[in-house]
Amino acid sequence: MPQRDGARGLGHVKVFVSFVSCVLALSSGACEAPPARAEQARVAQTRWHALGSWSGRGSRQTESFDVATGALRLTWDTRATGAAGEGHFRVWLYSAISGRPLQQFVDSSGTGSGTAHAADDPRTSYLVIESAQVNWTITLEEASQAR
C-alpha cells in the first residue's frame, strides 16, 4: 500500500525528535566524567607527616629516615648572605643502604623558596644539602592516605 506524504513526514519528525533528544542527553552531562568533587575528596584524604626539618648554613648530611610510601615533599627556603644572586643551594636524596644519590630535589642560586615533590621506592634514605653563601631551612614530608 503506498504511503501518503503526511505519514512519511511524521517518520522524519520522529527520527529528528529522537536525534535531538540524544544530543540534549549527551550535552546535559549524561556522558561527562564524574564531578571534580570526587577528585578533590581523594586529594583531601592525602595526609603529609614530617620526616624531619633542618636548617643551617653550609653543607650537611641529615640523619637517616625511613620512607614508607615513596611520595615525598620538600619545602625549602634560602636567604643569600652575600651579594644578590650569589651562593648556591642543592638538596639530594640518597639511599642509606647503597650510599648512591637517588634524585635531586633542589638546585637554586641566591635567595629563594619553593616546594619540590619526588617519588621513590620505600627505603631508608638521607638528604645531602650542598650550600654556599646562603642560610637555609628545609622540611621533608611523606604522603600517607587518611583512614
Protein backbone atom coordinates (compact mmCIF):
# COMPACT_ATOMS: atom_id res chain seq x y z
CA MET A 1 0.00 0.00 0.00
CA PRO A 2 1.62 3.33 -0.92
CA GLN A 3 2.38 5.74 1.88
CA ARG A 4 0.84 9.14 1.88
CA ASP A 5 3.11 12.19 2.10
CA GLY A 6 1.78 13.10 5.56
CA ALA A 7 2.68 9.70 7.09
CA ARG A 8 6.16 9.77 5.57
CA GLY A 9 6.68 13.29 7.03
CA LEU A 10 5.84 12.02 10.53
CA GLY A 11 8.59 9.37 10.23
CA HIS A 12 11.18 12.08 9.60
CA VAL A 13 9.84 14.07 12.55
CA LYS A 14 10.18 11.03 14.85
CA VAL A 15 13.80 10.50 13.72
CA PHE A 16 14.56 14.19 14.17
CA VAL A 17 12.99 14.26 17.66
CA SER A 18 14.98 11.13 18.64
CA PHE A 19 18.19 12.73 17.37
CA VAL A 20 17.56 15.98 19.25
CA SER A 21 16.73 14.03 22.43
CA CYS A 22 20.03 12.14 22.19
CA VAL A 23 22.00 15.34 21.62
CA LEU A 24 20.35 17.01 24.60
CA ALA A 25 21.01 13.99 26.81
CA LEU A 26 24.68 13.95 25.85
CA SER A 27 25.13 17.70 26.30
CA SER A 28 23.36 17.74 29.66
CA GLY A 29 26.10 15.72 31.31
CA ALA A 30 24.96 12.17 30.81
CA CYS A 31 28.39 11.33 29.40
CA GLU A 32 30.53 13.66 31.50
CA ALA A 33 33.31 12.49 33.78
CA PRO A 34 32.45 12.21 37.47
CA PRO A 35 32.33 15.56 39.24
CA ALA A 36 35.56 17.20 40.33
CA ARG A 37 34.43 16.75 43.92
CA ALA A 38 35.43 13.09 43.81
CA GLU A 39 38.98 14.11 42.85
CA GLN A 40 39.04 16.84 45.49
CA ALA A 41 37.93 14.35 48.14
CA ARG A 42 40.71 11.95 47.13
CA VAL A 43 43.33 14.71 47.29
CA ALA A 44 41.94 15.95 50.60
CA GLN A 45 42.46 12.46 52.04
CA THR A 46 46.22 12.64 51.48
CA ARG A 47 47.96 13.48 54.72
CA TRP A 48 51.54 14.69 54.98
CA HIS A 49 53.65 13.84 58.01
CA ALA A 50 57.08 15.29 58.70
CA LEU A 51 60.14 13.11 58.33
CA GLY A 52 62.35 15.93 59.53
CA SER A 53 63.22 19.61 59.49
CA TRP A 54 66.70 21.05 59.23
CA SER A 55 68.25 24.49 58.96
CA GLY A 56 71.72 25.89 58.76
CA ARG A 57 74.44 27.40 56.65
CA GLY A 58 76.90 25.44 54.60
CA SER A 59 76.75 21.81 53.52
CA ARG A 60 75.43 18.96 55.62
CA GLN A 61 74.14 15.40 55.57
CA THR A 62 70.98 14.56 57.55
CA GLU A 63 70.42 11.53 59.68
CA SER A 64 68.72 8.56 58.01
CA PHE A 65 64.93 8.28 57.86
CA ASP A 66 62.54 5.58 56.65
CA VAL A 67 60.46 6.29 53.55
CA ALA A 68 57.36 4.06 53.68
CA THR A 69 55.22 5.26 50.75
CA GLY A 70 57.79 6.84 48.43
CA ALA A 71 55.77 10.06 47.97
CA LEU A 72 57.91 12.92 49.27
CA ARG A 73 57.52 16.69 49.51
CA LEU A 74 60.38 19.05 50.36
CA THR A 75 59.64 22.64 51.37
CA TRP A 76 62.70 24.88 51.27
CA ASP A 77 63.70 28.47 51.88
CA THR A 78 67.07 30.21 51.39
CA ARG A 79 68.39 33.67 52.18
CA ALA A 80 71.59 34.83 50.50
CA THR A 81 74.27 36.06 52.89
CA GLY A 82 76.37 37.71 50.15
CA ALA A 83 75.52 39.84 47.15
CA ALA A 84 72.16 39.22 45.48
CA GLY A 85 72.20 36.16 43.24
CA GLU A 86 75.36 34.76 44.81
CA GLY A 87 75.51 31.47 46.57
CA HIS A 88 74.02 28.11 45.70
CA PHE A 89 71.71 25.57 47.29
CA ARG A 90 71.20 21.94 46.29
CA VAL A 91 69.35 19.12 48.02
CA TRP A 92 69.80 15.47 47.06
CA LEU A 93 68.01 12.32 48.23
CA TYR A 94 70.40 9.42 48.88
CA SER A 95 69.95 5.73 49.64
CA ALA A 96 71.17 4.95 53.16
CA ILE A 97 71.81 1.33 52.10
CA SER A 98 73.95 1.81 48.98
CA GLY A 99 75.04 5.42 49.55
CA ARG A 100 74.14 6.35 45.98
CA PRO A 101 72.30 9.53 45.01
CA LEU A 102 68.68 8.82 44.05
CA GLN A 103 67.42 12.21 42.87
CA GLN A 104 67.93 15.91 43.21
CA PHE A 105 65.19 17.93 44.89
CA VAL A 106 66.53 21.47 44.52
CA ASP A 107 69.18 23.33 42.53
CA SER A 108 68.89 27.06 43.24
CA SER A 109 71.02 30.20 43.39
CA GLY A 110 70.75 33.02 45.92
CA THR A 111 67.58 33.77 47.84
CA GLY A 112 64.55 31.62 47.04
CA SER A 113 61.90 29.25 48.29
CA GLY A 114 59.69 26.52 46.95
CA THR A 115 58.23 23.08 47.22
CA ALA A 116 59.59 20.06 45.39
CA HIS A 117 57.99 16.63 45.05
CA ALA A 118 59.67 13.30 44.45
CA ALA A 119 58.54 9.73 44.05
CA ASP A 120 60.82 6.90 45.09
CA ASP A 121 60.68 3.34 46.31
CA PRO A 122 60.22 2.76 50.03
CA ARG A 123 63.67 2.57 51.65
CA THR A 124 65.91 4.10 54.27
CA SER A 125 67.27 7.39 52.93
CA TYR A 126 69.01 10.60 53.89
CA LEU A 127 69.44 14.08 52.42
CA VAL A 128 72.62 15.82 51.37
CA ILE A 129 72.47 19.61 51.41
CA GLU A 130 75.14 21.46 49.45
CA SER A 131 75.18 25.20 50.03
CA ALA A 132 77.44 28.21 50.00
CA GLN A 133 76.64 31.80 50.99
CA VAL A 134 73.02 31.04 51.92
CA ASN A 135 71.15 30.36 55.13
CA TRP A 136 68.64 27.59 54.50
CA THR A 137 65.65 25.82 56.06
CA ILE A 138 64.04 22.61 54.77
CA THR A 139 61.18 20.35 55.82
CA LEU A 140 60.74 16.88 54.35
CA GLU A 141 57.30 15.26 54.46
CA GLU A 142 55.87 11.96 53.30
CA ALA A 143 52.35 11.38 51.98
CA SER A 144 50.06 8.82 53.54
CA GLN A 145 46.42 8.05 52.93
CA ALA A 146 43.94 9.08 55.59
CA ARG A 147 41.99 6.22 57.06
